[in-house]
Amino acid sequence: MARIVMTDDGISFDGATLEERPLGGAETSFIEMANALAARGHEVLVCNKCEAERVHRGVTWRPLAQGVPDSADLYIPNRGDKLLRLCPGAKRVIFWIHNPAGYLLKWRYQWKLALRRPVIVFSGASHASTYPAWAFAGGREIVLYGLTDLFCHAEERQAVPLPRVVFTSNPMRSLDWLMDVWESRIRPAVPHAELHVFAGTATYGAAGVAKAGKMGPVLERAAALADQGVILRGPVPKSQLVGELAAARALLYRGDIGETFCSAVAEAQAMGLPAVLEDIACMKERVVEGETGWAVKGAEAFAEAGIRLLSDDALWRRMHRACLAQQRAWRWEHAAAEFERIGGIAAPR
């Protein structure tokens, strides 16, 4: 058994938050990794901006303000530069990042990375390419996000679903663009299609309140397009999202240059939902091209693929089966095993 310390200085959450309310991808991944490492038999302590100390699923959560231990077998600071110098006696350090790595080129990161030399973990090849070869690191590794177990037990559907599309990402990530394509091209071609938007500020805690001014107009437009089949549902916990994905036919999502993995697509694919994406950043890494969906270029190709997926039942069945067969093998236990390998710690179980 190894002693593992993880730190985060972003929004306030703890291990139970994932079961209580919607969370962003980085926070979800952080919780899932902590849970997976604990499930594998390690002693896991998380120091972050949680409100009070608690133990959840074998992980101890402690407010960062109470201090971080001086030593550990493995120390995993999450994203923030102020965390890099904590836990100075740790035997190994993994610096886990979730956004394009350009921000690490700021001097406040580079001097700390030069001194600490942690292994930087990226979530895919596209993500890793955002950090230049000359920049400081003690190593570079790619570890894909795992799939939350909830999304990995869907069975093949006997009936082809109605043309219901889901959007489950940040509304600032091209929801406006999707609504343009939907209103002008997809909905006229498939008159009974519905676009269910599971998005809102609640996913991002206090940070979401700060972004409400930018998100507001996009969400208001979604609400105003009810006569075009757009239904604004708001964000939901993952336990509810599973059921919503099980009732949907496809996920349509343009993607965003700031995306480095996109759990929203991975979850939908695991549930058997074919996806139409635009070939931006990491998007093409999330589908098996032509088998579980497409990563296309441009609005015209996007609309054409979306219309086909909503209209061609035989095509949908083939892609649905391919999603279930190919897109749900990599779980958080596998990602945790990779962190063990990188951190030089043995799996106790």
Protein backbone atom coordinates (compact mmCIF):
# COMPACT_ATOMS: atom_id res chain seq x y z
CA MET A 1 0.00 0.00 0.00
CA ALA A 2 1.32 3.42 -1.00
CA ARG A 3 0.57 6.75 0.64
CA ILE A 4 -0.78 9.07 -2.04
CA VAL A 5 -1.48 12.78 -1.59
CA MET A 6 -3.55 14.66 -4.19
CA THR A 7 -4.14 18.42 -4.19
CA ASP A 8 -6.41 20.82 -6.07
CA ASP A 9 -7.04 24.55 -5.54
CA GLY A 10 -9.94 25.13 -7.95
CA ILE A 11 -13.63 25.10 -7.03
CA SER A 12 -15.05 23.62 -3.83
CA PHE A 13 -15.98 19.92 -4.02
CA ASP A 14 -15.33 16.61 -2.31
CA GLY A 15 -15.81 12.94 -3.10
CA ALA A 16 -19.56 13.00 -2.57
CA THR A 17 -20.15 15.99 -4.84
CA LEU A 18 -20.07 13.83 -7.94
CA GLU A 19 -23.10 11.94 -6.65
CA GLU A 20 -24.95 15.08 -5.58
CA ARG A 21 -24.69 17.56 -8.45
CA PRO A 22 -23.21 18.09 -11.92
CA LEU A 23 -19.46 18.66 -12.14
CA GLY A 24 -17.01 19.63 -14.86
CA GLY A 25 -14.72 17.10 -16.50
CA ALA A 26 -11.55 18.00 -14.60
CA GLU A 27 -13.23 17.77 -11.20
CA THR A 28 -15.00 14.55 -12.15
CA SER A 29 -11.72 13.00 -13.29
CA PHE A 30 -9.94 14.07 -10.11
CA ILE A 31 -12.58 12.40 -7.92
CA GLU A 32 -12.65 9.26 -10.05
CA MET A 33 -8.86 8.90 -9.91
CA ALA A 34 -8.84 9.32 -6.12
CA ASN A 35 -11.59 6.71 -5.78
CA ALA A 36 -9.85 4.29 -8.14
CA LEU A 37 -6.51 4.55 -6.33
CA ALA A 38 -8.23 3.96 -2.99
CA ALA A 39 -10.16 1.00 -4.41
CA ARG A 40 -6.83 -0.51 -5.46
CA GLY A 41 -5.73 -0.49 -1.81
CA HIS A 42 -3.77 2.73 -1.44
CA GLU A 43 -4.04 5.30 1.35
CA VAL A 44 -5.33 8.38 -0.46
CA LEU A 45 -5.50 11.87 1.04
CA VAL A 46 -6.99 14.73 -0.97
CA CYS A 47 -6.32 18.30 0.11
CA ASN A 48 -8.52 20.77 -1.74
CA LYS A 49 -11.13 23.46 -1.15
CA CYS A 50 -13.68 21.08 0.37
CA GLU A 51 -15.71 22.54 3.21
CA ALA A 52 -14.80 20.03 5.90
CA GLU A 53 -12.80 16.87 6.43
CA ARG A 54 -14.60 13.67 5.55
CA VAL A 55 -13.94 10.14 4.33
CA HIS A 56 -15.81 9.02 1.23
CA ARG A 57 -15.27 5.75 -0.63
CA GLY A 58 -12.05 5.20 1.25
CA VAL A 59 -10.58 8.61 0.34
CA THR A 60 -9.87 11.19 3.03
CA TRP A 61 -10.85 14.70 1.94
CA ARG A 62 -9.32 17.58 3.90
CA PRO A 63 -9.48 21.37 3.44
CA LEU A 64 -6.31 22.62 1.76
CA ALA A 65 -6.10 25.42 4.34
CA GLN A 66 -5.33 22.83 7.02
CA GLY A 67 -2.04 22.06 5.30
CA VAL A 68 -0.53 19.34 3.14
CA PRO A 69 1.72 16.57 4.49
CA ASP A 70 5.43 16.99 3.90
CA SER A 71 5.91 13.54 2.42
CA ALA A 72 4.18 10.80 0.44
CA ASP A 73 5.06 7.89 -1.80
CA LEU A 74 3.29 9.71 -4.63
CA TYR A 75 2.17 13.33 -4.80
CA ILE A 76 -0.35 14.42 -7.47
CA PRO A 77 -0.86 18.20 -7.72
CA ASN A 78 -3.76 19.01 -10.03
CA ARG A 79 -3.33 21.91 -12.49
CA GLY A 80 -2.25 24.73 -10.19
CA ASP A 81 1.26 26.18 -9.99
CA LYS A 82 0.94 26.98 -6.27
CA LEU A 83 0.58 23.27 -5.58
CA LEU A 84 3.84 22.27 -7.25
CA ARG A 85 6.08 23.03 -4.29
CA LEU A 86 3.91 21.37 -1.64
CA CYS A 87 4.66 17.92 -0.20
CA PRO A 88 8.42 18.47 -0.68
CA GLY A 89 9.41 15.03 0.62
CA ALA A 90 7.31 13.07 -1.88
CA LYS A 91 9.22 10.25 -3.57
CA ARG A 92 7.51 10.81 -6.95
CA VAL A 93 5.43 13.67 -8.35
CA ILE A 94 2.83 13.56 -11.12
CA PHE A 95 1.58 16.95 -12.31
CA TRP A 96 -1.85 16.29 -13.81
CA ILE A 97 -3.19 18.87 -16.25
CA HIS A 98 -6.52 19.05 -18.07
CA ASN A 99 -6.35 22.09 -20.37
CA PRO A 100 -4.14 22.88 -23.37
CA ALA A 101 -0.64 23.21 -21.94
CA GLY A 102 0.20 26.68 -23.25
CA TYR A 103 -0.49 28.15 -19.83
CA LEU A 104 2.43 26.14 -18.41
CA LEU A 105 4.81 28.33 -20.42
CA LYS A 106 4.18 31.21 -18.02
CA TRP A 107 7.24 31.91 -15.90
CA ARG A 108 5.41 31.17 -12.64
CA TYR A 109 4.96 27.59 -13.87
CA GLN A 110 8.25 27.10 -15.67
CA TRP A 111 10.56 27.89 -12.76
CA LYS A 112 8.59 25.58 -10.47
CA LEU A 113 8.55 22.82 -13.07
CA ALA A 114 12.31 23.29 -13.55
CA LEU A 115 12.93 22.87 -9.82
CA ARG A 116 10.47 20.05 -9.13
CA ARG A 117 10.70 18.15 -12.43
CA PRO A 118 7.41 16.26 -12.10
CA VAL A 119 6.12 13.86 -14.71
CA ILE A 120 3.40 15.79 -16.56
CA VAL A 121 0.37 13.67 -17.44
CA PHE A 122 -1.68 14.59 -20.50
CA SER A 123 -5.03 13.08 -21.49
CA GLY A 124 -4.29 12.33 -25.15
CA ALA A 125 -1.92 12.81 -28.07
CA SER A 126 -3.52 16.09 -29.12
CA HIS A 127 -3.21 17.35 -25.56
CA ALA A 128 0.46 16.35 -25.30
CA SER A 129 1.23 18.21 -28.53
CA THR A 130 0.30 21.52 -26.88
CA TYR A 131 3.44 21.44 -24.70
CA PRO A 132 6.64 22.15 -26.65
CA ALA A 133 9.66 19.86 -26.39
CA TRP A 134 11.90 22.57 -24.94
CA ALA A 135 9.65 23.26 -21.92
CA PHE A 136 10.52 21.88 -18.49
CA ALA A 137 9.25 18.49 -17.28
CA GLY A 138 10.58 15.47 -15.47
CA GLY A 139 8.85 13.26 -18.01
CA ARG A 140 5.75 13.26 -20.17
CA GLU A 141 3.06 10.61 -20.17
CA ILE A 142 -0.38 10.17 -21.73
CA VAL A 143 -3.13 8.63 -19.60
CA LEU A 144 -6.64 8.69 -21.01
CA TYR A 145 -9.49 9.52 -18.66
CA GLY A 146 -11.32 6.43 -17.54
CA LEU A 147 -15.02 5.84 -17.96
CA THR A 148 -17.28 6.17 -14.95
CA ASP A 149 -18.78 2.76 -14.28
CA LEU A 150 -22.34 4.12 -14.53
CA PHE A 151 -21.94 4.55 -18.28
CA CYS A 152 -20.55 1.09 -19.00
CA HIS A 153 -23.55 -1.21 -18.63
CA ALA A 154 -25.95 -0.19 -21.39
CA GLU A 155 -27.44 -3.05 -23.36
CA GLU A 156 -28.11 -3.12 -27.07
CA ARG A 157 -31.43 -1.45 -27.78
CA GLN A 158 -34.14 -3.49 -29.41
CA ALA A 159 -35.94 -0.50 -30.91
CA VAL A 160 -34.43 2.40 -32.83
CA PRO A 161 -34.96 5.54 -30.74
CA LEU A 162 -36.74 8.68 -31.81
CA PRO A 163 -34.53 11.42 -33.34
CA ARG A 164 -33.50 12.90 -30.00
CA VAL A 165 -30.07 14.58 -29.88
CA VAL A 166 -28.21 15.50 -26.68
CA PHE A 167 -25.72 18.27 -25.92
CA THR A 168 -24.00 17.67 -22.57
CA SER A 169 -21.02 20.04 -22.54
CA ASN A 170 -20.22 23.63 -21.57
CA PRO A 171 -22.65 25.95 -23.42
CA MET A 172 -19.70 28.21 -24.25
CA ARG A 173 -18.22 25.39 -26.30
CA SER A 174 -20.00 26.10 -29.57
CA LEU A 175 -23.58 25.53 -28.52
CA ASP A 176 -24.40 28.70 -30.47
CA TRP A 177 -22.78 27.19 -33.56
CA LEU A 178 -24.70 23.93 -33.11
CA MET A 179 -27.99 25.82 -32.81
CA ASP A 180 -27.21 27.65 -36.07
CA VAL A 181 -26.64 24.33 -37.87
CA TRP A 182 -29.65 22.79 -36.17
CA GLU A 183 -32.05 25.61 -37.05
CA SER A 184 -30.88 26.14 -40.63
CA ARG A 185 -30.11 22.59 -41.79
CA ILE A 186 -30.82 19.65 -39.49
CA ARG A 187 -34.28 20.46 -38.13
CA PRO A 188 -35.74 21.35 -41.57
CA ALA A 189 -34.51 17.97 -42.87
CA VAL A 190 -35.76 16.02 -39.82
CA PRO A 191 -38.86 17.97 -38.71
CA HIS A 192 -39.58 15.91 -35.59
CA ALA A 193 -36.01 15.95 -34.26
CA GLU A 194 -35.33 17.30 -30.77
CA LEU A 195 -32.13 18.78 -29.36
CA HIS A 196 -31.97 18.36 -25.58
CA VAL A 197 -29.45 20.72 -23.99
CA PHE A 198 -28.07 19.54 -20.66
CA ALA A 199 -25.99 22.59 -19.81
CA GLY A 200 -25.88 25.48 -17.38
CA THR A 201 -23.87 27.36 -14.81
CA ALA A 202 -24.49 24.91 -11.93
CA THR A 203 -21.87 22.50 -13.29
CA TYR A 204 -19.07 24.93 -12.47
CA GLY A 205 -19.94 26.00 -8.92
CA ALA A 206 -18.88 29.52 -8.00
CA ALA A 207 -16.91 29.74 -11.24
CA GLY A 208 -20.16 29.13 -13.12
CA VAL A 209 -21.79 32.10 -11.41
CA ALA A 210 -18.89 34.24 -12.61
CA LYS A 211 -19.41 32.99 -16.17
CA ALA A 212 -23.18 33.43 -16.11
CA GLY A 213 -22.96 36.71 -18.01
CA LYS A 214 -21.39 34.94 -20.99
CA MET A 215 -23.44 31.75 -20.77
CA GLY A 216 -26.73 33.58 -20.29
CA PRO A 217 -27.35 34.74 -23.89
CA VAL A 218 -26.50 31.28 -25.28
CA LEU A 219 -28.88 29.53 -22.86
CA GLU A 220 -31.57 32.15 -23.50
CA ARG A 221 -31.32 31.47 -27.21
CA ALA A 222 -31.69 27.74 -26.55
CA ALA A 223 -34.84 28.41 -24.53
CA ALA A 224 -36.19 30.61 -27.32
CA LEU A 225 -35.82 27.84 -29.92
CA ALA A 226 -38.44 25.57 -28.38
CA ASP A 227 -40.47 25.75 -31.59
CA GLN A 228 -37.43 24.34 -33.41
CA GLY A 229 -37.25 21.31 -31.13
CA VAL A 230 -34.56 22.72 -28.82
CA ILE A 231 -35.32 21.80 -25.20
CA LEU A 232 -33.22 23.42 -22.47
CA ARG A 233 -32.96 20.84 -19.70
CA GLY A 234 -30.15 22.26 -17.56
CA PRO A 235 -27.26 20.23 -16.11
CA VAL A 236 -28.06 16.98 -14.27
CA PRO A 237 -26.06 14.60 -12.03
CA LYS A 238 -24.44 11.67 -13.81
CA SER A 239 -26.87 9.25 -12.17
CA GLN A 240 -29.69 10.99 -14.09
CA LEU A 241 -27.64 11.59 -17.23
CA VAL A 242 -27.30 7.84 -17.74
CA GLY A 243 -31.05 7.56 -18.24
CA GLU A 244 -31.14 10.54 -20.57
CA LEU A 245 -28.41 9.09 -22.76
CA ALA A 246 -30.23 5.75 -22.79
CA ALA A 247 -33.25 7.50 -24.34
CA ALA A 248 -31.30 9.51 -26.93
CA ARG A 249 -30.28 8.67 -30.48
CA ALA A 250 -27.09 10.69 -30.98
CA LEU A 251 -24.72 13.26 -29.60
CA LEU A 252 -23.94 16.22 -31.83
CA TYR A 253 -21.04 18.35 -30.64
CA ARG A 254 -18.73 20.63 -32.55
CA GLY A 255 -15.93 20.51 -29.99
CA ASP A 256 -13.63 23.30 -28.88
CA ILE A 257 -9.96 24.17 -29.23
CA GLY A 258 -9.75 24.11 -25.41
CA GLU A 259 -10.92 20.49 -25.25
CA THR A 260 -8.22 17.94 -24.35
CA PHE A 261 -10.27 14.77 -23.85
CA CYS A 262 -14.05 15.43 -23.75
CA SER A 263 -15.73 13.13 -21.26
CA ALA A 264 -19.12 14.16 -22.65
CA VAL A 265 -18.39 12.35 -25.90
CA ALA A 266 -16.71 9.38 -24.18
CA GLU A 267 -19.73 8.85 -21.91
CA ALA A 268 -22.19 9.04 -24.78
CA GLN A 269 -20.16 6.61 -26.87
CA ALA A 270 -19.97 4.15 -23.96
CA MET A 271 -23.77 4.27 -23.72
CA GLY A 272 -24.08 3.35 -27.39
CA LEU A 273 -24.71 6.82 -28.82
CA PRO A 274 -23.08 7.54 -32.17
CA ALA A 275 -21.56 11.03 -32.32
CA VAL A 276 -21.04 13.69 -34.93
CA LEU A 277 -18.14 15.98 -34.07
CA GLU A 278 -16.04 18.53 -35.88
CA ASP A 279 -12.37 17.70 -36.34
CA ILE A 280 -11.08 20.17 -33.72
CA ALA A 281 -8.33 19.50 -31.17
CA CYS A 282 -8.90 16.05 -29.60
CA MET A 283 -12.32 15.35 -31.10
CA LYS A 284 -11.20 12.73 -33.61
CA GLU A 285 -9.62 10.76 -30.74
CA ARG A 286 -13.05 10.13 -29.24
CA VAL A 287 -14.69 8.31 -32.14
CA VAL A 288 -13.74 5.37 -34.31
CA GLU A 289 -14.14 7.16 -37.62
CA GLY A 290 -16.99 5.82 -39.71
CA GLU A 291 -17.79 3.12 -37.14
CA THR A 292 -18.94 4.89 -33.95
CA GLY A 293 -19.33 8.36 -35.45
CA TRP A 294 -17.53 11.00 -37.46
CA ALA A 295 -15.18 13.93 -36.85
CA VAL A 296 -15.85 16.10 -39.89
CA LYS A 297 -14.71 19.47 -41.19
CA GLY A 298 -17.20 22.30 -41.57
CA ALA A 299 -20.87 22.96 -40.91
CA GLU A 300 -22.09 21.43 -44.16
CA ALA A 301 -20.44 18.05 -43.53
CA PHE A 302 -21.56 18.19 -39.89
CA ALA A 303 -25.19 18.76 -40.86
CA GLU A 304 -25.11 16.05 -43.52
CA ALA A 305 -23.72 13.49 -41.04
CA GLY A 306 -26.25 14.51 -38.40
CA ILE A 307 -29.15 14.15 -40.79
CA ARG A 308 -27.97 10.70 -41.88
CA LEU A 309 -27.66 9.54 -38.29
CA LEU A 310 -31.16 10.76 -37.41
CA SER A 311 -32.78 9.37 -40.56
CA ASP A 312 -31.05 6.10 -41.43
CA ASP A 313 -32.12 3.39 -38.98
CA ALA A 314 -29.77 0.73 -40.37
CA LEU A 315 -26.81 3.10 -40.08
CA TRP A 316 -27.79 3.97 -36.52
CA ARG A 317 -28.04 0.31 -35.49
CA ARG A 318 -24.60 -0.46 -36.93
CA MET A 319 -22.97 2.48 -35.15
CA HIS A 320 -24.85 1.82 -31.92
CA ARG A 321 -23.51 -1.74 -31.80
CA ALA A 322 -20.00 -0.56 -32.63
CA CYS A 323 -20.09 1.95 -29.76
CA LEU A 324 -21.05 -0.74 -27.27
CA ALA A 325 -18.40 -3.12 -28.60
CA GLN A 326 -15.49 -0.70 -28.89
CA GLN A 327 -15.92 2.36 -26.71
CA ARG A 328 -16.21 1.30 -23.07
CA ALA A 329 -13.23 -0.90 -22.23
CA TRP A 330 -11.01 1.73 -20.60
CA ARG A 331 -12.15 2.33 -16.99
CA TRP A 332 -10.74 4.39 -14.14
CA GLU A 333 -9.08 1.30 -12.68
CA HIS A 334 -6.95 1.14 -15.83
CA ALA A 335 -6.07 4.83 -15.60
CA ALA A 336 -5.16 4.37 -11.91
CA ALA A 337 -2.89 1.46 -12.83
CA GLU A 338 -1.08 3.79 -15.23
CA PHE A 339 -0.61 6.34 -12.43
CA GLU A 340 0.86 3.53 -10.30
CA ARG A 341 3.31 2.70 -13.08
CA ILE A 342 4.34 6.32 -13.59
CA GLY A 343 4.59 6.92 -9.86
CA GLY A 344 6.68 3.81 -9.30
CA ILE A 345 4.29 2.29 -6.77
CA ALA A 346 3.09 -1.28 -6.67
CA ALA A 347 -0.55 -2.26 -6.91
CA PRO A 348 -1.46 -3.80 -3.53
CA ARG A 349 -4.47 -5.66 -4.96
